[in-house]
Structures are given as C-alpha cells and as structure tokens.
Amino acid sequence: FASDSCGASSVCDTDLIATGMLVAMTLPIG
C-alpha cells in the first residue's frame, strides 16, 4: 500500500517498494 499515492502526489520506485516488501517478508522468518 506504500504505492497508493504513486502518480497523484508522489514519484515511486516500485522495484524498491517490492524489495522492501520481500525483505520484510523473508528476513524475519529467516
């Protein structure tokens, strides 16, 4: 949901958002 404001009021790097999501998903489990 960090990408919800993309285009309207923000410039987003979707790859960085996806990387952060992946880190938050896998690193705590590891």
PDB file of all heavy atoms in Angstrom:
ATOM      1  N   PHE A   1       0.814  -1.214   0.000  1.00  0.00           N
ATOM      2  CA  PHE A   1       0.000   0.000   0.000  1.00  0.00           C
ATOM      3  C   PHE A   1       0.851   1.270   0.000  1.00  0.00           C
ATOM      4  O   PHE A   1       0.301   2.363  -0.122  1.00  0.00           O
ATOM      5  CB  PHE A   1      -0.957   0.011   1.184  1.00  0.00           C
ATOM      6  CG  PHE A   1      -2.046  -1.012   1.089  1.00  0.00           C
ATOM      7  CD1 PHE A   1      -2.256  -1.913   2.113  1.00  0.00           C
ATOM      8  CD2 PHE A   1      -2.860  -1.082  -0.036  1.00  0.00           C
ATOM      9  CE1 PHE A   1      -3.257  -2.859   2.026  1.00  0.00           C
ATOM     10  CE2 PHE A   1      -3.864  -2.017  -0.129  1.00  0.00           C
ATOM     11  CZ  PHE A   1      -4.070  -2.912   0.902  1.00  0.00           C
ATOM     12  N   ALA A   2       2.147   1.126   0.153  1.00  0.00           N
ATOM     13  CA  ALA A   2       3.017   2.296   0.066  1.00  0.00           C
ATOM     14  C   ALA A   2       2.942   2.927  -1.319  1.00  0.00           C
ATOM     15  O   ALA A   2       3.190   4.115  -1.487  1.00  0.00           O
ATOM     16  CB  ALA A   2       4.458   1.918   0.388  1.00  0.00           C
ATOM     17  N   SER A   3       2.550   2.151  -2.298  1.00  0.00           N
ATOM     18  CA  SER A   3       2.483   2.666  -3.673  1.00  0.00           C
ATOM     19  C   SER A   3       1.129   3.293  -3.998  1.00  0.00           C
ATOM     20  O   SER A   3       0.899   3.666  -5.150  1.00  0.00           O
ATOM     21  CB  SER A   3       2.774   1.535  -4.661  1.00  0.00           C
ATOM     22  OG  SER A   3       1.758   0.552  -4.579  1.00  0.00           O
ATOM     23  N   ASP A   4       0.232   3.438  -3.039  1.00  0.00           N
ATOM     24  CA  ASP A   4      -1.090   4.008  -3.313  1.00  0.00           C
ATOM     25  C   ASP A   4      -1.029   5.440  -3.809  1.00  0.00           C
ATOM     26  O   ASP A   4      -1.851   5.847  -4.631  1.00  0.00           O
ATOM     27  CB  ASP A   4      -1.977   3.933  -2.075  1.00  0.00           C
ATOM     28  CG  ASP A   4      -2.568   2.570  -1.873  1.00  0.00           C
ATOM     29  OD1 ASP A   4      -2.401   1.719  -2.768  1.00  0.00           O
ATOM     30  OD2 ASP A   4      -3.169   2.342  -0.805  1.00  0.00           O
ATOM     31  N   SER A   5      -0.110   6.225  -3.314  1.00  0.00           N
ATOM     32  CA  SER A   5      -0.039   7.628  -3.725  1.00  0.00           C
ATOM     33  C   SER A   5       0.811   7.844  -4.968  1.00  0.00           C
ATOM     34  O   SER A   5       1.011   8.983  -5.382  1.00  0.00           O
ATOM     35  CB  SER A   5       0.503   8.476  -2.574  1.00  0.00           C
ATOM     36  OG  SER A   5       1.843   8.090  -2.303  1.00  0.00           O
ATOM     37  N   CYS A   6       1.280   6.791  -5.572  1.00  0.00           N
ATOM     38  CA  CYS A   6       2.144   6.914  -6.749  1.00  0.00           C
ATOM     39  C   CYS A   6       1.364   7.533  -7.914  1.00  0.00           C
ATOM     40  O   CYS A   6       0.237   7.142  -8.205  1.00  0.00           O
ATOM     41  CB  CYS A   6       2.677   5.549  -7.176  1.00  0.00           C
ATOM     42  SG  CYS A   6       3.787   4.828  -5.967  1.00  0.00           S
ATOM     43  N   GLY A   7       1.961   8.502  -8.558  1.00  0.00           N
ATOM     44  CA  GLY A   7       1.357   9.147  -9.712  1.00  0.00           C
ATOM     45  C   GLY A   7       0.584  10.389  -9.342  1.00  0.00           C
ATOM     46  O   GLY A   7       0.664  11.398 -10.023  1.00  0.00           O
ATOM     47  N   ALA A   8      -0.186  10.366  -8.276  1.00  0.00           N
ATOM     48  CA  ALA A   8      -1.004  11.521  -7.892  1.00  0.00           C
ATOM     49  C   ALA A   8      -0.169  12.577  -7.173  1.00  0.00           C
ATOM     50  O   ALA A   8      -0.133  13.731  -7.593  1.00  0.00           O
ATOM     51  CB  ALA A   8      -2.149  11.070  -7.003  1.00  0.00           C
ATOM     52  N   SER A   9       0.475  12.168  -6.106  1.00  0.00           N
ATOM     53  CA  SER A   9       1.242  13.149  -5.332  1.00  0.00           C
ATOM     54  C   SER A   9       2.659  12.689  -5.033  1.00  0.00           C
ATOM     55  O   SER A   9       3.361  13.335  -4.274  1.00  0.00           O
ATOM     56  CB  SER A   9       0.512  13.443  -4.015  1.00  0.00           C
ATOM     57  OG  SER A   9       0.437  12.272  -3.234  1.00  0.00           O
ATOM     58  N   SER A  10       3.064  11.592  -5.611  1.00  0.00           N
ATOM     59  CA  SER A  10       4.388  11.042  -5.316  1.00  0.00           C
ATOM     60  C   SER A  10       4.999  10.418  -6.557  1.00  0.00           C
ATOM     61  O   SER A  10       4.295  10.003  -7.473  1.00  0.00           O
ATOM     62  CB  SER A  10       4.297   9.970  -4.238  1.00  0.00           C
ATOM     63  OG  SER A  10       3.712  10.457  -3.065  1.00  0.00           O
ATOM     64  N   VAL A  11       6.309  10.371  -6.529  1.00  0.00           N
ATOM     65  CA  VAL A  11       7.059   9.618  -7.535  1.00  0.00           C
ATOM     66  C   VAL A  11       7.561   8.366  -6.828  1.00  0.00           C
ATOM     67  O   VAL A  11       8.154   8.452  -5.757  1.00  0.00           O
ATOM     68  CB  VAL A  11       8.241  10.447  -8.086  1.00  0.00           C
ATOM     69  CG1 VAL A  11       9.055   9.633  -9.063  1.00  0.00           C
ATOM     70  CG2 VAL A  11       7.746  11.738  -8.701  1.00  0.00           C
ATOM     71  N   CYS A  12       7.290   7.210  -7.440  1.00  0.00           N
ATOM     72  CA  CYS A  12       7.599   5.958  -6.748  1.00  0.00           C
ATOM     73  C   CYS A  12       8.581   5.111  -7.538  1.00  0.00           C
ATOM     74  O   CYS A  12       8.577   5.105  -8.759  1.00  0.00           O
ATOM     75  CB  CYS A  12       6.322   5.149  -6.537  1.00  0.00           C
ATOM     76  SG  CYS A  12       5.168   5.946  -5.429  1.00  0.00           S
ATOM     77  N   ASP A  13       9.382   4.389  -6.794  1.00  0.00           N
ATOM     78  CA  ASP A  13      10.258   3.367  -7.342  1.00  0.00           C
ATOM     79  C   ASP A  13       9.655   2.028  -6.914  1.00  0.00           C
ATOM     80  O   ASP A  13       9.853   1.571  -5.790  1.00  0.00           O
ATOM     81  CB  ASP A  13      11.670   3.548  -6.792  1.00  0.00           C
ATOM     82  CG  ASP A  13      12.658   2.550  -7.357  1.00  0.00           C
ATOM     83  OD1 ASP A  13      12.246   1.684  -8.167  1.00  0.00           O
ATOM     84  OD2 ASP A  13      13.848   2.630  -6.980  1.00  0.00           O
ATOM     85  N   THR A  14       8.875   1.431  -7.812  1.00  0.00           N
ATOM     86  CA  THR A  14       8.159   0.201  -7.449  1.00  0.00           C
ATOM     87  C   THR A  14       9.102  -0.963  -7.174  1.00  0.00           C
ATOM     88  O   THR A  14       8.766  -1.850  -6.387  1.00  0.00           O
ATOM     89  CB  THR A  14       7.161  -0.182  -8.553  1.00  0.00           C
ATOM     90  OG1 THR A  14       7.847  -0.280  -9.791  1.00  0.00           O
ATOM     91  CG2 THR A  14       6.046   0.853  -8.645  1.00  0.00           C
ATOM     92  N   ASP A  15      10.264  -0.953  -7.794  1.00  0.00           N
ATOM     93  CA  ASP A  15      11.237  -2.012  -7.504  1.00  0.00           C
ATOM     94  C   ASP A  15      11.738  -1.926  -6.067  1.00  0.00           C
ATOM     95  O   ASP A  15      11.919  -2.947  -5.400  1.00  0.00           O
ATOM     96  CB  ASP A  15      12.417  -1.944  -8.468  1.00  0.00           C
ATOM     97  CG  ASP A  15      12.058  -2.358  -9.878  1.00  0.00           C
ATOM     98  OD1 ASP A  15      11.066  -3.108 -10.034  1.00  0.00           O
ATOM     99  OD2 ASP A  15      12.753  -1.930 -10.822  1.00  0.00           O
ATOM    100  N   LEU A  16      11.952  -0.702  -5.595  1.00  0.00           N
ATOM    101  CA  LEU A  16      12.410  -0.519  -4.214  1.00  0.00           C
ATOM    102  C   LEU A  16      11.303  -0.893  -3.224  1.00  0.00           C
ATOM    103  O   LEU A  16      11.581  -1.515  -2.181  1.00  0.00           O
ATOM    104  CB  LEU A  16      12.858   0.926  -3.990  1.00  0.00           C
ATOM    105  CG  LEU A  16      13.679   1.207  -2.742  1.00  0.00           C
ATOM    106  CD1 LEU A  16      14.928   0.342  -2.707  1.00  0.00           C
ATOM    107  CD2 LEU A  16      14.050   2.675  -2.684  1.00  0.00           C
ATOM    108  N   ILE A  17      10.064  -0.576  -3.562  1.00  0.00           N
ATOM    109  CA  ILE A  17       8.948  -0.966  -2.704  1.00  0.00           C
ATOM    110  C   ILE A  17       8.834  -2.488  -2.652  1.00  0.00           C
ATOM    111  O   ILE A  17       8.643  -3.081  -1.582  1.00  0.00           O
ATOM    112  CB  ILE A  17       7.634  -0.328  -3.202  1.00  0.00           C
ATOM    113  CG1 ILE A  17       7.696   1.195  -3.047  1.00  0.00           C
ATOM    114  CG2 ILE A  17       6.437  -0.886  -2.436  1.00  0.00           C
ATOM    115  CD1 ILE A  17       6.535   1.930  -3.691  1.00  0.00           C
ATOM    116  N   ALA A  18       8.972  -3.136  -3.800  1.00  0.00           N
ATOM    117  CA  ALA A  18       8.899  -4.604  -3.848  1.00  0.00           C
ATOM    118  C   ALA A  18      10.064  -5.239  -3.090  1.00  0.00           C
ATOM    119  O   ALA A  18       9.889  -6.258  -2.407  1.00  0.00           O
ATOM    120  CB  ALA A  18       8.889  -5.077  -5.298  1.00  0.00           C
ATOM    121  N   THR A  19      11.238  -4.637  -3.183  1.00  0.00           N
ATOM    122  CA  THR A  19      12.388  -5.152  -2.441  1.00  0.00           C
ATOM    123  C   THR A  19      12.150  -5.041  -0.939  1.00  0.00           C
ATOM    124  O   THR A  19      12.441  -5.984  -0.184  1.00  0.00           O
ATOM    125  CB  THR A  19      13.668  -4.397  -2.839  1.00  0.00           C
ATOM    126  OG1 THR A  19      13.879  -4.550  -4.232  1.00  0.00           O
ATOM    127  CG2 THR A  19      14.866  -4.905  -2.069  1.00  0.00           C
ATOM    128  N   GLY A  20      11.629  -3.909  -0.506  1.00  0.00           N
ATOM    129  CA  GLY A  20      11.320  -3.732   0.913  1.00  0.00           C
ATOM    130  C   GLY A  20      10.279  -4.726   1.393  1.00  0.00           C
ATOM    131  O   GLY A  20      10.379  -5.265   2.493  1.00  0.00           O
ATOM    132  N   MET A  21       9.283  -4.973   0.544  1.00  0.00           N
ATOM    133  CA  MET A  21       8.266  -5.961   0.887  1.00  0.00           C
ATOM    134  C   MET A  21       8.878  -7.348   1.029  1.00  0.00           C
ATOM    135  O   MET A  21       8.569  -8.100   1.964  1.00  0.00           O
ATOM    136  CB  MET A  21       7.207  -5.975  -0.213  1.00  0.00           C
ATOM    137  CG  MET A  21       5.806  -5.907   0.262  1.00  0.00           C
ATOM    138  SD  MET A  21       4.703  -5.906  -1.134  1.00  0.00           S
ATOM    139  CE  MET A  21       4.111  -7.556  -1.037  1.00  0.00           C
ATOM    140  N   LEU A  22       9.748  -7.689   0.097  1.00  0.00           N
ATOM    141  CA  LEU A  22      10.390  -9.004   0.129  1.00  0.00           C
ATOM    142  C   LEU A  22      11.293  -9.154   1.351  1.00  0.00           C
ATOM    143  O   LEU A  22      11.322 -10.209   1.993  1.00  0.00           O
ATOM    144  CB  LEU A  22      11.179  -9.225  -1.161  1.00  0.00           C
ATOM    145  CG  LEU A  22      11.765 -10.606  -1.381  1.00  0.00           C
ATOM    146  CD1 LEU A  22      10.637 -11.630  -1.482  1.00  0.00           C
ATOM    147  CD2 LEU A  22      12.612 -10.636  -2.626  1.00  0.00           C
ATOM    148  N   VAL A  23      12.019  -8.092   1.685  1.00  0.00           N
ATOM    149  CA  VAL A  23      12.879  -8.132   2.875  1.00  0.00           C
ATOM    150  C   VAL A  23      12.030  -8.296   4.130  1.00  0.00           C
ATOM    151  O   VAL A  23      12.337  -9.114   5.006  1.00  0.00           O
ATOM    152  CB  VAL A  23      13.757  -6.860   2.952  1.00  0.00           C
ATOM    153  CG1 VAL A  23      14.408  -6.714   4.320  1.00  0.00           C
ATOM    154  CG2 VAL A  23      14.820  -6.879   1.873  1.00  0.00           C
ATOM    155  N   ALA A  24      10.932  -7.536   4.220  1.00  0.00           N
ATOM    156  CA  ALA A  24      10.060  -7.614   5.396  1.00  0.00           C
ATOM    157  C   ALA A  24       9.335  -8.952   5.476  1.00  0.00           C
ATOM    158  O   ALA A  24       8.893  -9.363   6.545  1.00  0.00           O
ATOM    159  CB  ALA A  24       9.045  -6.474   5.373  1.00  0.00           C
ATOM    160  N   MET A  25       9.209  -9.634   4.344  1.00  0.00           N
ATOM    161  CA  MET A  25       8.510 -10.912   4.309  1.00  0.00           C
ATOM    162  C   MET A  25       9.429 -12.077   4.686  1.00  0.00           C
ATOM    163  O   MET A  25       9.039 -12.982   5.419  1.00  0.00           O
ATOM    164  CB  MET A  25       7.962 -11.136   2.895  1.00  0.00           C
ATOM    165  CG  MET A  25       6.994 -12.252   2.745  1.00  0.00           C
ATOM    166  SD  MET A  25       6.436 -12.398   1.035  1.00  0.00           S
ATOM    167  CE  MET A  25       5.626 -10.838   0.785  1.00  0.00           C
ATOM    168  N   THR A  26      10.652 -12.051   4.200  1.00  0.00           N
ATOM    169  CA  THR A  26      11.526 -13.214   4.348  1.00  0.00           C
ATOM    170  C   THR A  26      12.532 -13.105   5.494  1.00  0.00           C
ATOM    171  O   THR A  26      12.826 -14.114   6.141  1.00  0.00           O
ATOM    172  CB  THR A  26      12.303 -13.465   3.047  1.00  0.00           C
ATOM    173  OG1 THR A  26      13.066 -12.307   2.718  1.00  0.00           O
ATOM    174  CG2 THR A  26      11.355 -13.801   1.912  1.00  0.00           C
ATOM    175  N   LEU A  27      13.068 -11.933   5.728  1.00  0.00           N
ATOM    176  CA  LEU A  27      14.131 -11.804   6.731  1.00  0.00           C
ATOM    177  C   LEU A  27      13.663 -12.136   8.148  1.00  0.00           C
ATOM    178  O   LEU A  27      14.376 -12.854   8.870  1.00  0.00           O
ATOM    179  CB  LEU A  27      14.757 -10.407   6.654  1.00  0.00           C
ATOM    180  CG  LEU A  27      16.113 -10.227   7.305  1.00  0.00           C
ATOM    181  CD1 LEU A  27      17.129 -11.209   6.742  1.00  0.00           C
ATOM    182  CD2 LEU A  27      16.602  -8.803   7.115  1.00  0.00           C
ATOM    183  N   PRO A  28      12.484 -11.675   8.600  1.00  0.00           N
ATOM    184  CA  PRO A  28      12.058 -12.078   9.950  1.00  0.00           C
ATOM    185  C   PRO A  28      11.849 -13.589  10.086  1.00  0.00           C
ATOM    186  O   PRO A  28      12.180 -14.163  11.133  1.00  0.00           O
ATOM    187  CB  PRO A  28      10.731 -11.337  10.150  1.00  0.00           C
ATOM    188  CG  PRO A  28      10.817 -10.171   9.251  1.00  0.00           C
ATOM    189  CD  PRO A  28      11.594 -10.635   8.052  1.00  0.00           C
ATOM    190  N   ILE A  29      11.345 -14.231   9.040  1.00  0.00           N
ATOM    191  CA  ILE A  29      11.158 -15.678   9.106  1.00  0.00           C
ATOM    192  C   ILE A  29      12.523 -16.378   9.181  1.00  0.00           C
ATOM    193  O   ILE A  29      12.705 -17.323   9.957  1.00  0.00           O
ATOM    194  CB  ILE A  29      10.356 -16.180   7.887  1.00  0.00           C
ATOM    195  CG1 ILE A  29       8.973 -15.531   7.842  1.00  0.00           C
ATOM    196  CG2 ILE A  29      10.254 -17.696   7.875  1.00  0.00           C
ATOM    197  CD1 ILE A  29       8.089 -15.841   9.011  1.00  0.00           C
ATOM    198  N   GLY A  30      13.481 -15.912   8.399  1.00  0.00           N
ATOM    199  CA  GLY A  30      14.825 -16.491   8.444  1.00  0.00           C
ATOM    200  C   GLY A  30      15.478 -16.327   9.801  1.00  0.00           C
ATOM    201  O   GLY A  30      16.097 -17.263  10.327  1.00  0.00           O
TER     202      GLY A  30
END
